[in-house]
C-alpha atoms as a PDB file:
ATOM      1  CA  MET A   1      -3.521  15.834   5.141  1.00  0.00           C
ATOM      2  CA  LEU A   2      -7.034  16.520   4.712  1.00  0.00           C
ATOM      3  CA  GLU A   3      -7.362  18.699   7.406  1.00  0.00           C
ATOM      4  CA  LYS A   4      -5.320  21.030   4.613  1.00  0.00           C
ATOM      5  CA  HIS A   5      -8.622  20.705   2.618  1.00  0.00           C
ATOM      6  CA  ARG A   6     -10.987  20.141   4.665  1.00  0.00           C
ATOM      7  CA  LYS A   7     -13.112  22.238   7.150  1.00  0.00           C
ATOM      8  CA  SER A   8     -13.712  18.446   9.984  1.00  0.00           C
ATOM      9  CA  VAL A   9     -11.957  15.700   9.605  1.00  0.00           C
ATOM     10  CA  GLU A  10     -13.527  12.544  11.836  1.00  0.00           C
ATOM     11  CA  MET A  11     -11.516   9.164  12.330  1.00  0.00           C
ATOM     12  CA  ILE A  12     -12.988   5.830  13.506  1.00  0.00           C
ATOM     13  CA  GLU A  13     -10.891   3.045  14.570  1.00  0.00           C
ATOM     14  CA  VAL A  14     -12.847  -0.124  14.337  1.00  0.00           C
ATOM     15  CA  ASP A  15     -11.336  -3.496  15.729  1.00  0.00           C
ATOM     16  CA  TYR A  16     -11.884  -6.941  14.422  1.00  0.00           C
ATOM     17  CA  LYS A  17     -10.935 -10.389  13.496  1.00  0.00           C
ATOM     18  CA  TYR A  18     -10.733 -11.195   9.721  1.00  0.00           C
ATOM     19  CA  SER A  19     -11.390 -14.388   8.088  1.00  0.00           C
ATOM     20  CA  PHE A  20     -11.775 -14.751   4.320  1.00  0.00           C
ATOM     21  CA  GLY A  21     -10.578 -16.447   1.279  1.00  0.00           C
ATOM     22  CA  THR A  22      -8.045 -18.676   1.733  1.00  0.00           C
ATOM     23  CA  HIS A  23      -7.640 -17.590   5.400  1.00  0.00           C
ATOM     24  CA  GLY A  24     -10.592 -19.786   7.039  1.00  0.00           C
ATOM     25  CA  HIS A  25      -7.666 -22.102   8.700  1.00  0.00           C
ATOM     26  CA  LYS A  26      -6.795 -18.953  10.501  1.00  0.00           C
ATOM     27  CA  VAL A  27      -9.972 -18.495  12.583  1.00  0.00           C
ATOM     28  CA  GLY A  28      -9.843 -17.708  16.176  1.00  0.00           C
ATOM     29  CA  ASP A  29      -6.098 -16.908  16.250  1.00  0.00           C
ATOM     30  CA  ASN A  30      -5.166 -13.883  17.529  1.00  0.00           C
ATOM     31  CA  LYS A  31      -2.643 -12.936  14.696  1.00  0.00           C
ATOM     32  CA  ASN A  32      -6.071 -11.774  12.577  1.00  0.00           C
ATOM     33  CA  SER A  33      -6.762  -9.131  14.733  1.00  0.00           C
ATOM     34  CA  VAL A  34      -6.524  -5.451  12.810  1.00  0.00           C
ATOM     35  CA  SER A  35      -7.941  -2.240  13.131  1.00  0.00           C
ATOM     36  CA  GLU A  36      -9.491  -0.719  10.395  1.00  0.00           C
ATOM     37  CA  TYR A  37      -9.693   3.350  10.152  1.00  0.00           C
ATOM     38  CA  LEU A  38     -12.426   5.318   8.368  1.00  0.00           C
ATOM     39  CA  PHE A  39     -11.835   8.770   7.528  1.00  0.00           C
ATOM     40  CA  ILE A  40     -14.289  11.336   7.183  1.00  0.00           C
ATOM     41  CA  ALA A  41     -13.553  14.593   5.554  1.00  0.00           C
ATOM     42  CA  ARG A  42     -16.424  17.256   5.159  1.00  0.00           C
END
């Protein structure tokens, strides 16, 4: 969708394990592995 409005679109994928707020009990749990996507449109 971004490519329709911008000349250049770059996607960066970052894998990490989250633990915040009330999720402290899940530290080390494989279920808290996620991928985050950052889109840079110029």
